[in-house]
Every structure is written in C-alpha cells, then in structure tokens.
Amino acid sequence: MAYTQAECVIKNIIREIGQECGQFGETLAETLVAFMVKAVVLDPSNGFNMDRNLTRADVQKLVKLCVNRLLDKKNPSLDTIKMQVYFDMNYTNRGEFLDEHHRVLESRLGIVSREITDNRARTREELESLYRKIVSYILLRSGLGSPTDIKVVREATAALQSVFPQSELGTFLSLSKKDKERQLKELSMIVTGIRLFNKDCGKGGEGIDDLPAILNEAIPATTQHIDAQLQTSQEEAYQYTAILEKLLENPLKMKDVEDLKIKEALFNLRQYEIFLNIILSDIITCAQEVEMMIKQLGAQMEQLKMTVQAKTAVPTSQVYPIFIALSSLWTSFQDETVLLSVLSNLTTQLAPFLGYHEELFNTEIIQELLEEVEIKSDVCRIKESMGTKVNINDFKKLDWIFPETTANFDKLPIQYRGFCGYTFAVTDGLLVPGNPAIGILKYKDRYYTFNSKEAAYTFAENPNKYIELIGEKAKKCAELIQLLELHQQFETMLPYPQVKIIDKHIKPITRCESSTQTDTHILPPTIIKDYEWNEWELRRKAIKLANLRQKLTHSVQTNLSHMRRDNATQVYPLKTKGTQTKREDGTKVPKPQIYIAGLRGNCMSSLYAVKVNLTRAVDET
C-alpha cells in the first residue's frame, strides 16, 4: 500500500473511532486516538499482522477494540495514556517555553509597532496622536500597568518626555523603519527602568506589581503543594509494590486479584511521580533564577542611586545602561511568573488522571492486601543493597561503570528511567528502582541499573533475552513505552507531540556520523549597528550630514595659488582638402598591331610580319 493511501486509511480510522466515542459523550483528541490505534495493533493478543494490509473486517475489529478501550473509564492504563498525551502536548522545557512566549509577545506588539513606524504625521494633532501611541506601545511592551489607566498613562508620559520630548518626533519620523523599531525598543526599556527606579524611591510606580515578593511567596507554596502530591503518590506506589511482591509468592492469589489491575495502577502512579519530578525540577530552577535576579536588581538599584544621588542632571551615558539593565531584569521576573503559573496549572491538570484509584482500591481492600506485608520505600531498597558491587573480573566482554571511576556519573542516561530491568522482566512488570552503586552495565551504548548483585549477574549473562521480554510486555501495556522510554525499541511510537504516520519498514537510528568543530571566532562578535553596505544609503547620510540647504558654497584664491591651477588647451587638427575642375578630358596614343603573313600560302614561302596601325587621326573624328 502506498504511503499516501495508508495515511488516508489511518486518518479515516481515527475519524471513525472519534465519531463513535462522541456518540457516547466522549470527546477525544486525535493524538490520543492515534496512539490507541497503534497500541491496539501492536498488542499481539489482538491478532493483527503487520506484514499485510488491513481488510474491512480488520478495520471494523480495530475500531471496535479501540472504542472499547477508550470508553473503559475504570482502567488505570487508559488514565496513564491520557496523562502521557496531556503532559507531552502541554509541557515544554524552560528554554523553548520562554522563546515561544517572547515570540507571541512580539507578534502581538507587531500591529501597534507598525502603526507607529508607518505613520506619516504632519499636523499638530497627528503628532500628538502619534506620541500617545508611543506611550501605549511602551506600556504594552513593559507590562507595567494598563494603557487605559489614566494615572499609569500620565506617569509613563512624564517618564518618556524626560528622555524623548514631543519636539523630537520630526527626527524620529525621518528615520528608516528599522531604526524606528530599534529606537522604540530602547525607549521602552529606558522608560521602564525610570519607572522602576521611581517606584523604588517611593515617587511613582503606579500599576507596578512587586514581582520579586510575589515570586518569593508563590514558589515555596507551589513547591510545597507538589511535594505533598509527590509524597502521597509515592506512598501509594510503595504499597502497591509491596502487595505485588507478596502476590508473586502466591500465584493462585495473584489470579484472584488480577481484576483489580494493581499493576496498571502502579504504572499510573509511577508515571505521575515522574511528571511531578520534572515539574519540580523546573520550579527549583525557577527559584534559583529568581534568587539570583533579586540580588542583581538590588545591586543595579544601589548603583543607580549612587550615580544619581541629588544631582539635577546626569549624563545619559551613565544612567541609560542601568535603566536598560533594570528593564531586562524585570522582563526576566515576568517570564518566571508566567512560567511558574503554567507549571502550577499543569500540576493541577494532572491530578484528575489519578481519580479512579479511590474507587478501584478502597481502604478495606488495601488494608486486607497489606496484612503481614513490609512496605519499603525506594530509599530503603537502595540502602539494603549498598555495600554490594559487581566484580568486573567476572565479565571480560562487558563494560561496567562505577561512581568512583566515572566523571558525571549522575548524568548518565539510564535505561528504563532507573528501574531494574531484570526485576521488571522476570516479575512481569514490577517496578523496583535500581542501585547505581552496584554497577551500571554498558551494553550496546545503553546503560542498565539493577536492584541487587544477583540481578546484575543474571541480566549480564543474556541481556538480549530480558530486553526482548520487556519489549513484549510493553506491547501489551502501551503506556510502558513512554513510562520506560522505549521509543527506540518501538520506532512507530514516538513522543506524542511528534506523532506522525511512519512506514513500518523504517528502523530506528542506532548509529550516525557526527563531527565536531572548534569555534572560528573565540571572542564575542562586535556588531556595529550603524554599519551600512549600500552606497546610496551612505550618500544619503552624507547629504543629510552636510545639510546643504543651510550652507553657502564659496571659494578664495590667493596670489600664491593662482599659478598652481590646472590649465588645458585644445587645437584643431589639419583638414584633408581636394579640388575638382569643371571639365574632364583625356588623350589616347596610337596602338599599332603586328600580324603574321603567309600562314595560308605555299608551304615553301617564308613567313613575315606585317605592322598595321588602325588608329585614326584626331582631326578625322
């Protein structure tokens, strides 16, 4: 089947599944439906053959299975998949989020900026309207107050007039569009710095929130909330792990509680715990950035106060850079506020994906299963295995890594998110954290940890066997692909923001060519903003600097300089002449001819020459 045809078929299947779910009141995202389609096809128990095209019966069976799984509201596995889809569609790392946030702000300000840069004001009323637009642009860009608040507008106008009076609008209008945009940004930053300084001095600051104080209060509150959620989910995960360990000793009882789906609930909690740790890490980074920026803000304010003091006039070269630095710091505070709000909202939105735990596992059932069971935390499990270490002499063909012999040991990309792969494979899905101190196995450029020395030795004897067992388990429980980061093992199950229709014959990239190159320019580049390469632009600037309309051009000659002037002379070249008479005449001399006589006579007679002149005389003509 051609790629475009297969893509069309899959889209139709996704659309049909979405419509059937909609009939039951469930509105699902296409990304979630697409992932469920792949998960159902990947599950070997469903009997789909990846090497042949789907028939109409296969399509109907696929739609039915997907609809049943998507409408199963009491399935922790579905909740985990929904949580994964939601998180990957709404979470971006810190750098990408801030870049996108700035891009959106610039696009929103683009309309106001174009109204100013394209303005051709001439009359007094038009110039006043343009000045008001500049004030509004500065307020919108800085985010310090509303442009509709009269007090805020008056304060911003006063600050702008101190650095850019209305009389300079003529010069501003004569600039190019690029220069206008650059000057608008600089004016916005300078005015923002002035207003922040006035607020610090108690002479203004209308509509300006105290962002450092707000962040200092919001960050600890958000951190405490996440810590509480994390602790609760971890305690439940420890209980489920202990119950599963106990049931492994009694297979008959394990079959009795299969309907409770404890294992799927454990996957759900572990995934929730991983997402909370990611968010918490970003919030900790946010707190560190805020702490550093508060120190920088205080230092800049002190420097500005020392520079200004009680002076009535201060050189702009001294205070403008400080005002711009204050504006940049305040923009960073605003970025951290938005980022913290998004992370807090994301944490709140993840909580409903755990809503069915209380319904499936009430207190009585959990207490009954926890009888005579020792609940161990991840820290306790790691402490129990401390002191044991793999002997590298027992493995001559395998590489083992230890903390004391490896730099950046904590930053190694551990497989299965740090869980013991051997335990997961032999127990059919028990998630137990590995202890890196035992030794990390490096196998095919991947790193594996284990919860005991025995597990490490057994796994190292035949790594491929246990890796395949984990892959087979992931085919049955599709949420494990994201939970254990098995995307390279399942090339069609990419992270959800990148879900695309991929040909099944494409293999994951395991090797690639790479190269490194040293920096060409070690020192930071020096960008000259006033540089122009266009000759006509340079001429225009030269004419503007000369200002010939207000200048007079004159020359002076002295007695010593008049002999040094350059002289040139010109001569006329000779002409070629000719004359012609009125009559044309000519003469012709006689032209005698000689003939041979006796050619037709007797052969014995001699031959002789006869000279004949047939030219007529002149007087005969």
Foldseek 3Di string as FASTA:
>chain_A
DDPVVVQVVLVVLLVVLQVVLVVVVDHDDSLLLSLLLVLLCLAVVNPHDPVDDDDPVNSVSSSVVSNVVCPPPLFLLSLLSVLQLVCLVQDDDLVVVLVVVVVVLCVVLVVLLCCQLVDDDDDPVSLVVSLLSLLQSLCSVLVQAHSVDPQSSVLLSVLLCVPPNSVCVVVLNPDHSVVNVVVSVLSSLLSQLVQVLCVVVVNHRPRGDPLLVVLVVLLVVLLVVLVVVLVVLQQLLLLLLLLLVVCLVPVVVVVVCVVLVSLSLSLSSLSLNVSSVVLSVSSVVLVVVSVVLVVVLVVLSVLLCVQPPPDPDGDCVRCSVSSNVNSVSSVSSVSSVVSSVSSSVSNVVSVVSNVSPCVSDPPVNSVVSCVPTDGDGLVRLLVVAPPAAADCVVPPPWDKDAPVVDPPPVPAPAFQNQFALQCCLVSVRNTHGFHCRRIWTQDLNHTGGHSHNVSVVVCVVPVVVSVVSVVSSCSNSVSSCVNRVVCLVPVQNDRSVPHDDDDPPDHRDSDDDDDDDDDPDPDDDDDDPPDDDDPVVVVVVVCVVVVCVPDDDDDDDDPVCPVVDDDDDDDDDDDDDDDDDPDDDDDDDWDKDKDKPDPPDDPVDDIDIDIGTPDDDPVVD
